[in-house]
Protein backbone atom coordinates (compact mmCIF):
# COMPACT_ATOMS: atom_id res chain seq x y z
CA MET A 1 -134.10 -11.50 -159.82
CA ALA A 2 -131.28 -11.30 -162.35
CA SER A 3 -127.68 -11.19 -161.22
CA THR A 4 -126.01 -7.84 -161.78
CA GLY A 5 -122.53 -9.14 -161.15
CA SER A 6 -122.19 -6.84 -158.14
CA GLU A 7 -123.44 -9.33 -155.54
CA PRO A 8 -120.88 -10.75 -153.11
CA VAL A 9 -119.88 -14.36 -153.67
CA GLY A 10 -122.69 -16.59 -152.49
CA GLN A 11 -125.42 -14.08 -153.28
CA GLY A 12 -125.92 -15.16 -156.88
CA PRO A 13 -128.19 -17.73 -158.42
CA MET A 14 -125.97 -20.68 -157.50
CA ALA A 15 -126.72 -20.35 -153.78
CA GLY A 16 -130.42 -20.18 -154.57
CA GLU A 17 -130.21 -23.41 -156.54
CA LEU A 18 -128.14 -25.15 -153.87
CA ALA A 19 -130.57 -24.10 -151.13
CA GLY A 20 -132.93 -26.83 -152.34
CA MET A 21 -130.16 -29.43 -152.17
CA PRO A 22 -129.19 -29.67 -148.50
CA GLY A 23 -127.12 -32.80 -149.02
CA VAL A 24 -124.90 -30.92 -151.47
CA TRP A 25 -124.31 -27.77 -149.44
CA ARG A 26 -123.74 -29.82 -146.29
CA ARG A 27 -121.01 -31.82 -148.05
CA LEU A 28 -119.46 -28.61 -149.37
CA LEU A 29 -119.43 -27.06 -145.90
CA ALA A 30 -117.90 -30.22 -144.43
CA ALA A 31 -115.15 -30.37 -147.07
CA HIS A 32 -114.27 -26.69 -147.46
CA VAL A 33 -112.82 -25.96 -144.03
CA PRO A 34 -109.72 -23.98 -143.07
CA ASP A 35 -106.42 -25.74 -142.59
CA ARG A 36 -103.85 -24.68 -139.98
CA LEU A 37 -102.56 -21.97 -142.37
CA GLY A 38 -105.98 -20.42 -142.99
CA ARG A 39 -106.38 -21.92 -146.45
CA CYS A 40 -109.19 -24.11 -147.74
CA ALA A 41 -108.35 -27.77 -147.18
CA ALA A 42 -110.43 -28.86 -150.22
CA CYS A 43 -109.13 -26.27 -152.69
CA ARG A 44 -105.52 -27.38 -152.74
CA THR A 45 -103.57 -27.08 -155.94
CA ALA A 46 -100.99 -29.58 -157.17
CA GLY A 47 -98.38 -27.31 -155.56
CA GLY A 48 -100.00 -27.75 -152.16
CA SER A 49 -101.42 -24.28 -151.63
CA GLY A 50 -105.10 -23.55 -151.56
CA ALA A 51 -107.46 -20.63 -151.71
CA ARG A 52 -107.71 -18.42 -148.64
CA TRP A 53 -110.55 -19.54 -146.43
CA PRO A 54 -113.41 -19.00 -146.73
CA CYS A 55 -113.15 -20.03 -150.37
CA SER A 56 -115.85 -19.21 -152.89
CA LEU A 57 -117.44 -22.67 -152.64
CA HIS A 58 -117.70 -22.39 -148.86
CA SER A 59 -119.27 -18.94 -149.22
CA VAL A 60 -121.83 -20.19 -151.76
CA ALA A 61 -122.66 -23.21 -149.59
CA ALA A 62 -123.01 -21.04 -146.46
CA GLU A 63 -125.39 -18.74 -148.33
CA ALA A 64 -127.36 -21.77 -149.55
CA GLN A 65 -127.62 -22.95 -145.93
CA ARG A 66 -128.91 -19.52 -144.89
CA LEU A 67 -131.46 -19.46 -147.72
CA HIS A 68 -132.60 -22.99 -146.88
CA ALA A 69 -133.20 -22.01 -143.25
CA LEU A 70 -135.01 -18.87 -144.35
CA ARG A 71 -137.29 -20.86 -146.65
CA LEU A 72 -138.02 -23.37 -143.90
CA GLY A 73 -138.88 -20.55 -141.53
CA GLN A 74 -141.21 -19.02 -144.11
CA ALA A 75 -142.89 -22.37 -144.71
CA VAL A 76 -143.43 -22.93 -140.98
CA GLY A 77 -144.40 -19.31 -140.32
CA GLY A 78 -146.71 -19.15 -143.31
CA GLU A 79 -145.14 -15.98 -144.69
């Protein structure tokens, strides 16, 4: 399915690609966590601030995790 540009972050083709790479999305989820100010700890700029959490990389990785689980369930369930 082609991206229309209207999908929320994490719904595009990148999450679908990452779904087959569990080591990658697990590392992204481990790194892109909120700090005490509610900003992404991994997305800091040189000035010290970061993107509001959840950042776009966390959202893509979380969607990849969901897709991975869905695919595993389909494989086990035979759907």
